[in-house]
PDB file of N, CA and C in Angstrom:
ATOM      1  N   ALA A   1     206.347 179.205  22.975  1.00  0.00           N
ATOM      2  CA  ALA A   1     206.371 180.044  22.495  1.00  0.00           C
ATOM      3  C   ALA A   1     206.601 181.587  23.859  1.00  0.00           C
ATOM      4  N   MET A   2     207.234 182.443  23.259  1.00  0.00           N
ATOM      5  CA  MET A   2     206.899 183.612  24.495  1.00  0.00           C
ATOM      6  C   MET A   2     206.936 184.927  23.626  1.00  0.00           C
ATOM      7  N   ASN A   3     206.335 185.871  24.321  1.00  0.00           N
ATOM      8  CA  ASN A   3     205.717 187.000  23.847  1.00  0.00           C
ATOM      9  C   ASN A   3     205.880 187.910  24.929  1.00  0.00           C
ATOM     10  N   ARG A   4     206.919 188.508  25.086  1.00  0.00           N
ATOM     11  CA  ARG A   4     207.273 189.694  26.258  1.00  0.00           C
ATOM     12  C   ARG A   4     208.390 190.697  25.956  1.00  0.00           C
ATOM     13  N   VAL A   5     208.035 191.889  26.214  1.00  0.00           N
ATOM     14  CA  VAL A   5     208.790 192.773  26.255  1.00  0.00           C
ATOM     15  C   VAL A   5     209.084 193.611  27.439  1.00  0.00           C
ATOM     16  N   GLN A   6     210.222 194.471  27.687  1.00  0.00           N
ATOM     17  CA  GLN A   6     210.327 194.930  28.970  1.00  0.00           C
ATOM     18  C   GLN A   6     210.804 196.520  28.569  1.00  0.00           C
ATOM     19  N   LEU A   7     210.148 197.626  29.270  1.00  0.00           N
ATOM     20  CA  LEU A   7     210.608 198.812  28.496  1.00  0.00           C
ATOM     21  C   LEU A   7     210.999 199.780  29.914  1.00  0.00           C
ATOM     22  N   LEU A   8     211.973 200.938  29.886  1.00  0.00           N
ATOM     23  CA  LEU A   8     212.235 201.737  30.808  1.00  0.00           C
ATOM     24  C   LEU A   8     212.088 203.067  30.081  1.00  0.00           C
ATOM     25  N   GLY A   9     211.140 203.805  30.262  1.00  0.00           N
ATOM     26  CA  GLY A   9     211.137 205.305  29.877  1.00  0.00           C
ATOM     27  C   GLY A   9     210.526 206.214  30.328  1.00  0.00           C
ATOM     28  N   ARG A  10     210.261 207.358  29.626  1.00  0.00           N
ATOM     29  CA  ARG A  10     209.290 208.221  30.126  1.00  0.00           C
ATOM     30  C   ARG A  10     207.661 208.585  29.550  1.00  0.00           C
ATOM     31  N   VAL A  11     206.932 208.558  29.789  1.00  0.00           N
ATOM     32  CA  VAL A  11     205.654 208.861  29.878  1.00  0.00           C
ATOM     33  C   VAL A  11     205.638 210.268  28.934  1.00  0.00           C
ATOM     34  N   GLY A  12     204.739 209.790  27.802  1.00  0.00           N
ATOM     35  CA  GLY A  12     204.588 211.413  27.028  1.00  0.00           C
ATOM     36  C   GLY A  12     203.712 211.801  27.395  1.00  0.00           C
ATOM     37  N   GLN A  13     202.391 211.450  27.817  1.00  0.00           N
ATOM     38  CA  GLN A  13     201.451 212.331  28.355  1.00  0.00           C
ATOM     39  C   GLN A  13     200.474 211.552  29.498  1.00  0.00           C
ATOM     40  N   ASP A  14     199.700 212.464  29.901  1.00  0.00           N
ATOM     41  CA  ASP A  14     198.974 211.926  31.215  1.00  0.00           C
ATOM     42  C   ASP A  14     197.997 210.958  30.749  1.00  0.00           C
ATOM     43  N   PRO A  15     198.118 209.632  31.618  1.00  0.00           N
ATOM     44  CA  PRO A  15     197.436 208.190  31.096  1.00  0.00           C
ATOM     45  C   PRO A  15     195.829 208.867  30.591  1.00  0.00           C
ATOM     46  N   ILE A  16     195.072 208.377  29.863  1.00  0.00           N
ATOM     47  CA  ILE A  16     193.751 208.394  29.386  1.00  0.00           C
ATOM     48  C   ILE A  16     193.020 207.137  29.633  1.00  0.00           C
ATOM     49  N   MET A  17     191.455 207.184  30.288  1.00  0.00           N
ATOM     50  CA  MET A  17     190.916 205.764  30.552  1.00  0.00           C
ATOM     51  C   MET A  17     189.889 205.985  29.327  1.00  0.00           C
ATOM     52  N   ARG A  18     189.500 204.862  28.580  1.00  0.00           N
ATOM     53  CA  ARG A  18     188.500 204.529  27.663  1.00  0.00           C
ATOM     54  C   ARG A  18     187.934 203.408  27.934  1.00  0.00           C
ATOM     55  N   GLN A  19     186.793 203.750  27.410  1.00  0.00           N
ATOM     56  CA  GLN A  19     185.831 202.517  27.359  1.00  0.00           C
ATOM     57  C   GLN A  19     184.786 202.403  26.134  1.00  0.00           C
ATOM     58  N   VAL A  20     185.026 201.214  25.321  1.00  0.00           N
ATOM     59  CA  VAL A  20     184.131 201.139  24.464  1.00  0.00           C
ATOM     60  C   VAL A  20     183.273 200.398  24.173  1.00  0.00           C
ATOM     61  N   ASP A  21     182.000 200.230  23.536  1.00  0.00           N
ATOM     62  CA  ASP A  21     180.873 199.446  23.184  1.00  0.00           C
ATOM     63  C   ASP A  21     180.732 199.010  24.875  1.00  0.00           C
ATOM     64  N   GLY A  22     180.882 199.062  25.961  1.00  0.00           N
ATOM     65  CA  GLY A  22     180.643 198.565  27.398  1.00  0.00           C
ATOM     66  C   GLY A  22     181.778 197.274  27.528  1.00  0.00           C
ATOM     67  N   LYS A  23     182.505 197.280  26.678  1.00  0.00           N
ATOM     68  CA  LYS A  23     183.783 196.470  27.163  1.00  0.00           C
ATOM     69  C   LYS A  23     184.642 197.117  28.273  1.00  0.00           C
ATOM     70  N   ASN A  24     185.329 196.332  28.918  1.00  0.00           N
ATOM     71  CA  ASN A  24     186.323 196.766  29.950  1.00  0.00           C
ATOM     72  C   ASN A  24     186.871 197.918  29.803  1.00  0.00           C
ATOM     73  N   PRO A  25     187.229 199.001  30.668  1.00  0.00           N
ATOM     74  CA  PRO A  25     187.887 200.100  29.984  1.00  0.00           C
ATOM     75  C   PRO A  25     189.461 199.555  30.469  1.00  0.00           C
ATOM     76  N   VAL A  26     190.004 200.610  29.605  1.00  0.00           N
ATOM     77  CA  VAL A  26     191.499 200.194  29.272  1.00  0.00           C
ATOM     78  C   VAL A  26     192.276 201.789  29.668  1.00  0.00           C
ATOM     79  N   THR A  27     193.218 201.489  30.312  1.00  0.00           N
ATOM     80  CA  THR A  27     194.098 203.077  30.403  1.00  0.00           C
ATOM     81  C   THR A  27     195.022 202.897  29.464  1.00  0.00           C
ATOM     82  N   ILE A  28     195.469 204.000  28.572  1.00  0.00           N
ATOM     83  CA  ILE A  28     196.589 204.169  27.400  1.00  0.00           C
ATOM     84  C   ILE A  28     197.632 205.429  27.812  1.00  0.00           C
ATOM     85  N   PHE A  29     198.703 204.860  27.463  1.00  0.00           N
ATOM     86  CA  PHE A  29     199.479 206.096  27.352  1.00  0.00           C
ATOM     87  C   PHE A  29     200.805 205.598  26.695  1.00  0.00           C
ATOM     88  N   SER A  30     201.668 206.950  26.439  1.00  0.00           N
ATOM     89  CA  SER A  30     202.441 206.342  25.538  1.00  0.00           C
ATOM     90  C   SER A  30     204.039 206.958  26.247  1.00  0.00           C
ATOM     91  N   LEU A  31     204.890 205.956  25.829  1.00  0.00           N
ATOM     92  CA  LEU A  31     206.083 205.690  26.397  1.00  0.00           C
ATOM     93  C   LEU A  31     207.205 205.788  25.852  1.00  0.00           C
ATOM     94  N   ALA A  32     208.206 206.987  26.129  1.00  0.00           N
ATOM     95  CA  ALA A  32     209.378 207.003  24.737  1.00  0.00           C
ATOM     96  C   ALA A  32     210.589 206.490  25.506  1.00  0.00           C
ATOM     97  N   THR A  33     211.284 205.500  24.587  1.00  0.00           N
ATOM     98  CA  THR A  33     212.637 204.778  25.134  1.00  0.00           C
ATOM     99  C   THR A  33     213.511 205.778  24.277  1.00  0.00           C
ATOM    100  N   ASN A  34     214.939 205.543  24.946  1.00  0.00           N
ATOM    101  CA  ASN A  34     216.100 205.997  24.108  1.00  0.00           C
ATOM    102  C   ASN A  34     217.500 205.265  24.089  1.00  0.00           C
ATOM    103  N   GLU A  35     217.780 205.519  22.852  1.00  0.00           N
ATOM    104  CA  GLU A  35     219.163 204.390  22.862  1.00  0.00           C
ATOM    105  C   GLU A  35     220.135 205.697  22.347  1.00  0.00           C
ATOM    106  N   MET A  36     221.383 205.569  22.936  1.00  0.00           N
ATOM    107  CA  MET A  36     222.365 206.573  22.695  1.00  0.00           C
ATOM    108  C   MET A  36     223.347 205.938  22.819  1.00  0.00           C
ATOM    109  N   TRP A  37     224.264 206.422  21.327  1.00  0.00           N
ATOM    110  CA  TRP A  37     225.648 205.921  21.272  1.00  0.00           C
ATOM    111  C   TRP A  37     226.631 206.581  20.412  1.00  0.00           C
ATOM    112  N   ARG A  38     227.492 206.699  20.827  1.00  0.00           N
ATOM    113  CA  ARG A  38     228.546 207.499  19.999  1.00  0.00           C
ATOM    114  C   ARG A  38     229.505 207.006  19.033  1.00  0.00           C
ATOM    115  N   THR A  39     229.326 207.764  17.770  1.00  0.00           N
ATOM    116  CA  THR A  39     230.099 207.138  16.871  1.00  0.00           C
ATOM    117  C   THR A  39     231.497 206.734  17.073  1.00  0.00           C
ATOM    118  N   GLY A  40     231.896 206.233  16.596  1.00  0.00           N
ATOM    119  CA  GLY A  40     233.360 205.661  16.755  1.00  0.00           C
ATOM    120  C   GLY A  40     233.327 204.449  17.495  1.00  0.00           C
ATOM    121  N   GLU A  41     232.424 204.164  18.719  1.00  0.00           N
ATOM    122  CA  GLU A  41     232.351 202.936  19.275  1.00  0.00           C
ATOM    123  C   GLU A  41     231.865 201.639  18.221  1.00  0.00           C
ATOM    124  N   SER A  42     232.601 200.308  18.717  1.00  0.00           N
ATOM    125  CA  SER A  42     232.118 199.508  17.677  1.00  0.00           C
ATOM    126  C   SER A  42     232.274 198.336  18.377  1.00  0.00           C
ATOM    127  N   GLU A  43     231.562 197.080  17.955  1.00  0.00           N
ATOM    128  CA  GLU A  43     231.361 196.004  18.837  1.00  0.00           C
ATOM    129  C   GLU A  43     232.069 194.631  17.941  1.00  0.00           C
ATOM    130  N   THR A  44     232.828 193.847  18.699  1.00  0.00           N
ATOM    131  CA  THR A  44     233.450 193.079  17.762  1.00  0.00           C
ATOM    132  C   THR A  44     233.503 191.530  18.487  1.00  0.00           C
ATOM    133  N   ASN A  45     232.969 190.719  17.930  1.00  0.00           N
ATOM    134  CA  ASN A  45     232.448 189.283  18.729  1.00  0.00           C
ATOM    135  C   ASN A  45     233.785 188.632  18.376  1.00  0.00           C
ATOM    136  N   GLN A  46     234.615 188.321  19.577  1.00  0.00           N
ATOM    137  CA  GLN A  46     235.521 187.135  19.588  1.00  0.00           C
ATOM    138  C   GLN A  46     235.413 185.956  20.558  1.00  0.00           C
ATOM    139  N   GLY A  47     235.495 185.036  20.369  1.00  0.00           N
ATOM    140  CA  GLY A  47     235.362 183.659  21.188  1.00  0.00           C
ATOM    141  C   GLY A  47     233.851 183.597  21.878  1.00  0.00           C
ATOM    142  N   GLY A  48     232.734 184.295  20.864  1.00  0.00           N
ATOM    143  CA  GLY A  48     231.383 184.225  21.643  1.00  0.00           C
ATOM    144  C   GLY A  48     231.033 185.342  22.895  1.00  0.00           C
ATOM    145  N   GLU A  49     231.834 186.255  22.986  1.00  0.00           N
ATOM    146  CA  GLU A  49     232.044 187.647  23.710  1.00  0.00           C
ATOM    147  C   GLU A  49     231.966 188.410  22.738  1.00  0.00           C
ATOM    148  N   ILE A  50     231.110 189.809  23.335  1.00  0.00           N
ATOM    149  CA  ILE A  50     230.940 190.910  22.698  1.00  0.00           C
ATOM    150  C   ILE A  50     231.790 191.862  23.268  1.00  0.00           C
ATOM    151  N   ILE A  51     232.677 192.404  22.858  1.00  0.00           N
ATOM    152  CA  ILE A  51     233.652 193.410  23.499  1.00  0.00           C
ATOM    153  C   ILE A  51     233.354 194.610  22.480  1.00  0.00           C
ATOM    154  N   THR A  52     232.908 195.745  23.524  1.00  0.00           N
ATOM    155  CA  THR A  52     232.716 196.935  22.999  1.00  0.00           C
ATOM    156  C   THR A  52     233.955 197.760  23.126  1.00  0.00           C
ATOM    157  N   ILE A  53     234.583 198.350  22.057  1.00  0.00           N
ATOM    158  CA  ILE A  53     235.574 199.225  22.148  1.00  0.00           C
ATOM    159  C   ILE A  53     235.152 200.750  21.940  1.00  0.00           C
ATOM    160  N   MET A  54     235.959 201.493  22.839  1.00  0.00           N
ATOM    161  CA  MET A  54     235.447 203.082  23.140  1.00  0.00           C
ATOM    162  C   MET A  54     236.563 203.687  22.597  1.00  0.00           C
ATOM    163  N   LEU A  55     236.734 204.419  21.875  1.00  0.00           N
ATOM    164  CA  LEU A  55     237.614 205.422  21.380  1.00  0.00           C
ATOM    165  C   LEU A  55     238.126 206.463  21.934  1.00  0.00           C
ATOM    166  N   PHE A  56     238.907 206.626  23.072  1.00  0.00           N
ATOM    167  CA  PHE A  56     239.223 207.675  23.992  1.00  0.00           C
ATOM    168  C   PHE A  56     240.198 208.810  23.759  1.00  0.00           C
ATOM    169  N   LEU A  57     240.968 208.798  22.737  1.00  0.00           N
ATOM    170  CA  LEU A  57     241.777 209.385  22.295  1.00  0.00           C
ATOM    171  C   LEU A  57     241.227 210.847  21.700  1.00  0.00           C
ATOM    172  N   CYS A  58     241.713 211.405  20.652  1.00  0.00           N
ATOM    173  CA  CYS A  58     241.426 212.997  20.442  1.00  0.00           C
ATOM    174  C   CYS A  58     239.796 212.504  19.813  1.00  0.00           C
ATOM    175  N   ASN A  59     239.881 211.797  19.312  1.00  0.00           N
ATOM    176  CA  ASN A  59     238.280 212.170  18.605  1.00  0.00           C
ATOM    177  C   ASN A  59     237.531 211.179  19.111  1.00  0.00           C
ATOM    178  N   LEU A  60     236.452 211.807  19.864  1.00  0.00           N
ATOM    179  CA  LEU A  60     235.776 210.706  20.503  1.00  0.00           C
ATOM    180  C   LEU A  60     234.179 210.521  19.861  1.00  0.00           C
ATOM    181  N   GLY A  61     234.409 211.277  18.854  1.00  0.00           N
ATOM    182  CA  GLY A  61     233.039 211.167  17.790  1.00  0.00           C
ATOM    183  C   GLY A  61     231.798 211.781  18.486  1.00  0.00           C
ATOM    184  N   ASP A  62     230.458 211.832  17.394  1.00  0.00           N
ATOM    185  CA  ASP A  62     229.320 212.822  17.964  1.00  0.00           C
ATOM    186  C   ASP A  62     228.423 211.473  18.768  1.00  0.00           C
ATOM    187  N   ILE A  63     227.775 212.011  19.782  1.00  0.00           N
ATOM    188  CA  ILE A  63     226.386 211.330  20.475  1.00  0.00           C
ATOM    189  C   ILE A  63     225.304 211.501  19.395  1.00  0.00           C
ATOM    190  N   SER A  64     224.958 210.235  19.161  1.00  0.00           N
ATOM    191  CA  SER A  64     223.958 210.036  18.507  1.00  0.00           C
ATOM    192  C   SER A  64     222.381 209.266  19.308  1.00  0.00           C
ATOM    193  N   GLN A  65     221.530 209.617  19.193  1.00  0.00           N
ATOM    194  CA  GLN A  65     219.988 209.205  19.888  1.00  0.00           C
ATOM    195  C   GLN A  65     218.993 208.925  19.161  1.00  0.00           C
ATOM    196  N   LYS A  66     218.204 207.968  19.348  1.00  0.00           N
ATOM    197  CA  LYS A  66     217.035 207.739  18.554  1.00  0.00           C
ATOM    198  C   LYS A  66     216.480 207.222  19.869  1.00  0.00           C
ATOM    199  N   THR A  67     214.991 207.975  19.644  1.00  0.00           N
ATOM    200  CA  THR A  67     213.688 207.923  20.686  1.00  0.00           C
ATOM    201  C   THR A  67     212.540 207.067  19.805  1.00  0.00           C
ATOM    202  N   THR A  68     212.340 206.215  20.846  1.00  0.00           N
ATOM    203  CA  THR A  68     211.098 205.240  19.929  1.00  0.00           C
ATOM    204  C   THR A  68     209.801 205.605  21.045  1.00  0.00           C
ATOM    205  N   TRP A  69     208.568 205.490  20.257  1.00  0.00           N
ATOM    206  CA  TRP A  69     207.793 206.023  21.088  1.00  0.00           C
ATOM    207  C   TRP A  69     206.546 204.554  21.083  1.00  0.00           C
ATOM    208  N   HIS A  70     206.440 204.136  22.393  1.00  0.00           N
ATOM    209  CA  HIS A  70     205.414 202.924  22.329  1.00  0.00           C
ATOM    210  C   HIS A  70     203.949 203.158  22.767  1.00  0.00           C
ATOM    211  N   ARG A  71     202.792 202.579  22.273  1.00  0.00           N
ATOM    212  CA  ARG A  71     201.510 202.635  22.761  1.00  0.00           C
ATOM    213  C   ARG A  71     201.343 201.769  23.861  1.00  0.00           C
ATOM    214  N   ILE A  72     200.818 202.124  24.988  1.00  0.00           N
ATOM    215  CA  ILE A  72     201.088 201.234  26.120  1.00  0.00           C
ATOM    216  C   ILE A  72     199.635 200.992  26.883  1.00  0.00           C
ATOM    217  N   SER A  73     198.775 199.685  26.543  1.00  0.00           N
ATOM    218  CA  SER A  73     197.408 199.808  27.124  1.00  0.00           C
ATOM    219  C   SER A  73     197.234 198.883  28.262  1.00  0.00           C
ATOM    220  N   VAL A  74     196.789 199.206  29.224  1.00  0.00           N
ATOM    221  CA  VAL A  74     196.456 198.386  30.796  1.00  0.00           C
ATOM    222  C   VAL A  74     195.118 198.182  31.152  1.00  0.00           C
ATOM    223  N   PHE A  75     195.114 196.539  31.040  1.00  0.00           N
ATOM    224  CA  PHE A  75     193.541 195.952  30.984  1.00  0.00           C
ATOM    225  C   PHE A  75     193.178 195.448  32.462  1.00  0.00           C
ATOM    226  N   ARG A  76     194.467 195.460  32.987  1.00  0.00           N
ATOM    227  CA  ARG A  76     194.161 194.590  34.740  1.00  0.00           C
ATOM    228  C   ARG A  76     193.807 195.476  35.318  1.00  0.00           C
ATOM    229  N   PRO A  77     192.051 195.237  35.873  1.00  0.00           N
ATOM    230  CA  PRO A  77     191.630 196.677  36.702  1.00  0.00           C
ATOM    231  C   PRO A  77     192.700 196.980  37.803  1.00  0.00           C
ATOM    232  N   GLY A  78     193.219 196.569  38.672  1.00  0.00           N
ATOM    233  CA  GLY A  78     193.992 197.012  39.373  1.00  0.00           C
ATOM    234  C   GLY A  78     194.753 198.374  39.190  1.00  0.00           C
ATOM    235  N   LEU A  79     195.672 197.329  38.080  1.00  0.00           N
ATOM    236  CA  LEU A  79     196.934 198.055  37.728  1.00  0.00           C
ATOM    237  C   LEU A  79     196.220 199.106  36.550  1.00  0.00           C
ATOM    238  N   ARG A  80     195.119 198.838  35.738  1.00  0.00           N
ATOM    239  CA  ARG A  80     194.731 199.965  35.126  1.00  0.00           C
ATOM    240  C   ARG A  80     194.428 201.321  35.988  1.00  0.00           C
ATOM    241  N   ASP A  81     194.019 201.047  37.134  1.00  0.00           N
ATOM    242  CA  ASP A  81     193.463 202.255  37.867  1.00  0.00           C
ATOM    243  C   ASP A  81     194.545 202.688  38.510  1.00  0.00           C
ATOM    244  N   ILE A  82     195.541 201.969  39.054  1.00  0.00           N
ATOM    245  CA  ILE A  82     196.584 202.839  39.714  1.00  0.00           C
ATOM    246  C   ILE A  82     197.512 203.341  38.585  1.00  0.00           C
ATOM    247  N   THR A  83     197.558 202.952  37.429  1.00  0.00           N
ATOM    248  CA  THR A  83     198.077 203.610  36.350  1.00  0.00           C
ATOM    249  C   THR A  83     197.709 204.993  35.873  1.00  0.00           C
ATOM    250  N   TYR A  84     195.894 205.351  35.757  1.00  0.00           N
ATOM    251  CA  TYR A  84     195.516 206.439  35.577  1.00  0.00           C
ATOM    252  C   TYR A  84     195.426 207.213  36.685  1.00  0.00           C
ATOM    253  N   GLN A  85     195.468 206.806  38.149  1.00  0.00           N
ATOM    254  CA  GLN A  85     195.765 207.913  38.935  1.00  0.00           C
ATOM    255  C   GLN A  85     197.028 208.212  39.251  1.00  0.00           C
ATOM    256  N   TYR A  86     198.147 207.577  39.358  1.00  0.00           N
ATOM    257  CA  TYR A  86     199.274 207.956  39.691  1.00  0.00           C
ATOM    258  C   TYR A  86     200.481 208.131  38.393  1.00  0.00           C
ATOM    259  N   VAL A  87     200.440 207.892  37.360  1.00  0.00           N
ATOM    260  CA  VAL A  87     201.323 208.118  36.380  1.00  0.00           C
ATOM    261  C   VAL A  87     201.183 209.094  35.520  1.00  0.00           C
ATOM    262  N   LYS A  88     202.099 210.247  35.446  1.00  0.00           N
ATOM    263  CA  LYS A  88     201.647 211.488  35.021  1.00  0.00           C
ATOM    264  C   LYS A  88     203.017 211.542  33.413  1.00  0.00           C
ATOM    265  N   LYS A  89     202.582 212.600  32.746  1.00  0.00           N
ATOM    266  CA  LYS A  89     203.589 213.072  32.006  1.00  0.00           C
ATOM    267  C   LYS A  89     205.137 212.989  32.373  1.00  0.00           C
ATOM    268  N   GLY A  90     205.784 212.442  31.898  1.00  0.00           N
ATOM    269  CA  GLY A  90     207.462 212.348  32.281  1.00  0.00           C
ATOM    270  C   GLY A  90     207.938 211.631  33.096  1.00  0.00           C
ATOM    271  N   SER A  91     206.914 210.749  33.777  1.00  0.00           N
ATOM    272  CA  SER A  91     207.388 210.127  34.686  1.00  0.00           C
ATOM    273  C   SER A  91     208.258 208.935  34.150  1.00  0.00           C
ATOM    274  N   ARG A  92     209.285 208.520  35.019  1.00  0.00           N
ATOM    275  CA  ARG A  92     210.096 207.136  34.289  1.00  0.00           C
ATOM    276  C   ARG A  92     209.537 206.178  34.818  1.00  0.00           C
ATOM    277  N   ILE A  93     209.025 205.371  33.991  1.00  0.00           N
ATOM    278  CA  ILE A  93     208.660 204.085  34.650  1.00  0.00           C
ATOM    279  C   ILE A  93     209.105 202.305  33.770  1.00  0.00           C
ATOM    280  N   TYR A  94     209.240 201.407  34.285  1.00  0.00           N
ATOM    281  CA  TYR A  94     209.239 200.209  33.910  1.00  0.00           C
ATOM    282  C   TYR A  94     207.851 199.563  33.619  1.00  0.00           C
ATOM    283  N   VAL A  95     207.962 199.160  32.330  1.00  0.00           N
ATOM    284  CA  VAL A  95     206.738 198.537  31.829  1.00  0.00           C
ATOM    285  C   VAL A  95     207.137 197.005  31.340  1.00  0.00           C
ATOM    286  N   GLU A  96     206.302 196.061  31.798  1.00  0.00           N
ATOM    287  CA  GLU A  96     206.603 194.617  31.196  1.00  0.00           C
ATOM    288  C   GLU A  96     205.085 194.140  30.889  1.00  0.00           C
ATOM    289  N   GLY A  97     205.427 193.798  29.242  1.00  0.00           N
ATOM    290  CA  GLY A  97     204.115 193.049  28.940  1.00  0.00           C
ATOM    291  C   GLY A  97     204.350 192.267  27.618  1.00  0.00           C
ATOM    292  N   LYS A  98     203.215 192.077  26.623  1.00  0.00           N
ATOM    293  CA  LYS A  98     203.567 191.608  25.459  1.00  0.00           C
ATOM    294  C   LYS A  98     203.452 192.356  24.070  1.00  0.00           C
ATOM    295  N   ILE A  99     203.624 192.224  23.228  1.00  0.00           N
ATOM    296  CA  ILE A  99     203.554 192.958  22.042  1.00  0.00           C
ATOM    297  C   ILE A  99     201.881 192.403  21.455  1.00  0.00           C
ATOM    298  N   ASP A 100     201.471 193.524  20.877  1.00  0.00           N
ATOM    299  CA  ASP A 100     199.916 192.910  20.134  1.00  0.00           C
ATOM    300  C   ASP A 100     199.948 193.488  18.680  1.00  0.00           C
ATOM    301  N   TYR A 101     199.520 192.891  17.696  1.00  0.00           N
ATOM    302  CA  TYR A 101     199.421 193.939  16.652  1.00  0.00           C
ATOM    303  C   TYR A 101     198.549 193.637  15.948  1.00  0.00           C
ATOM    304  N   GLY A 102     197.587 194.943  15.428  1.00  0.00           N
ATOM    305  CA  GLY A 102     196.397 195.048  15.481  1.00  0.00           C
ATOM    306  C   GLY A 102     196.339 195.615  13.933  1.00  0.00           C
ATOM    307  N   GLU A 103     194.714 195.985  13.694  1.00  0.00           N
ATOM    308  CA  GLU A 103     194.619 196.682  12.493  1.00  0.00           C
ATOM    309  C   GLU A 103     193.507 197.499  12.935  1.00  0.00           C
ATOM    310  N   TYR A 104     193.063 198.685  12.434  1.00  0.00           N
ATOM    311  CA  TYR A 104     191.885 199.214  12.680  1.00  0.00           C
ATOM    312  C   TYR A 104     191.687 200.399  11.707  1.00  0.00           C
ATOM    313  N   THR A 105     190.323 200.859  11.334  1.00  0.00           N
ATOM    314  CA  THR A 105     190.277 201.642  10.408  1.00  0.00           C
ATOM    315  C   THR A 105     190.052 203.365  10.702  1.00  0.00           C
ATOM    316  N   ASP A 106     190.959 204.058  10.056  1.00  0.00           N
ATOM    317  CA  ASP A 106     190.753 205.715  10.505  1.00  0.00           C
ATOM    318  C   ASP A 106     189.501 206.066  10.150  1.00  0.00           C
ATOM    319  N   LYS A 107     189.743 207.496  10.972  1.00  0.00           N
ATOM    320  CA  LYS A 107     188.456 208.518  10.569  1.00  0.00           C
ATOM    321  C   LYS A 107     188.234 208.818   8.679  1.00  0.00           C
ATOM    322  N   ASN A 108     189.230 208.694   7.958  1.00  0.00           N
ATOM    323  CA  ASN A 108     189.121 208.724   6.563  1.00  0.00           C
ATOM    324  C   ASN A 108     189.025 207.341   5.891  1.00  0.00           C
ATOM    325  N   ASN A 109     188.822 206.403   6.613  1.00  0.00           N
ATOM    326  CA  ASN A 109     188.414 204.943   6.244  1.00  0.00           C
ATOM    327  C   ASN A 109     189.494 204.448   5.808  1.00  0.00           C
ATOM    328  N   VAL A 110     190.783 204.598   6.655  1.00  0.00           N
ATOM    329  CA  VAL A 110     191.855 203.830   5.495  1.00  0.00           C
ATOM    330  C   VAL A 110     192.428 202.827   6.762  1.00  0.00           C
ATOM    331  N   ARG A 111     192.801 201.621   6.205  1.00  0.00           N
ATOM    332  CA  ARG A 111     193.105 200.630   6.993  1.00  0.00           C
ATOM    333  C   ARG A 111     194.444 201.117   7.471  1.00  0.00           C
ATOM    334  N   ARG A 112     194.512 200.847   8.796  1.00  0.00           N
ATOM    335  CA  ARG A 112     196.017 201.209   9.161  1.00  0.00           C
ATOM    336  C   ARG A 112     196.503 200.092  10.491  1.00  0.00           C
ATOM    337  N   GLN A 113     197.827 199.725  10.657  1.00  0.00           N
ATOM    338  CA  GLN A 113     198.227 198.956  11.680  1.00  0.00           C
ATOM    339  C   GLN A 113     198.932 199.329  12.661  1.00  0.00           C
ATOM    340  N   ALA A 114     198.547 198.912  13.618  1.00  0.00           N
ATOM    341  CA  ALA A 114     198.744 199.216  15.032  1.00  0.00           C
ATOM    342  C   ALA A 114     199.559 198.298  16.135  1.00  0.00           C
ATOM    343  N   THR A 115     200.730 198.580  16.753  1.00  0.00           N
ATOM    344  CA  THR A 115     201.299 198.029  17.718  1.00  0.00           C
ATOM    345  C   THR A 115     201.419 198.448  19.037  1.00  0.00           C
ATOM    346  N   THR A 116     200.914 197.526  19.946  1.00  0.00           N
ATOM    347  CA  THR A 116     200.629 197.982  21.201  1.00  0.00           C
ATOM    348  C   THR A 116     201.387 197.184  22.466  1.00  0.00           C
ATOM    349  N   ILE A 117     201.611 197.515  23.138  1.00  0.00           N
ATOM    350  CA  ILE A 117     202.276 196.944  24.183  1.00  0.00           C
ATOM    351  C   ILE A 117     201.170 196.652  25.415  1.00  0.00           C
ATOM    352  N   ILE A 118     201.172 195.502  25.685  1.00  0.00           N
ATOM    353  CA  ILE A 118     199.838 194.961  26.581  1.00  0.00           C
ATOM    354  C   ILE A 118     200.409 194.634  28.392  1.00  0.00           C
ATOM    355  N   ALA A 119     200.165 196.021  28.963  1.00  0.00           N
ATOM    356  CA  ALA A 119     201.124 195.752  30.253  1.00  0.00           C
ATOM    357  C   ALA A 119     200.020 195.009  31.277  1.00  0.00           C
TER     358      ALA A 119
END
């Protein structure tokens, strides 16, 4: 089995370092990734290959964009400290890690689900 994710994006806020109940500290930050496409582009599968057809005539179509925010947690001591010290809001960085799904109870005593990338 494999649980691996690779992200390239921009940091949403300066990383923070947290330590809970005497456990090892963790550096946490958010990362935004963007997908962009132009309406009028289409993909066709022919002979096992994906061919992207772009219409360059009069109607190019509108550009659409989707931003996805990812919560990144860094536990490894060396990487955690370097991330905290040098990564800043707006930095463009590459993150490699695994996806972790968890649950927590918020301050209103409501159970919530959280997806985190463990780098």
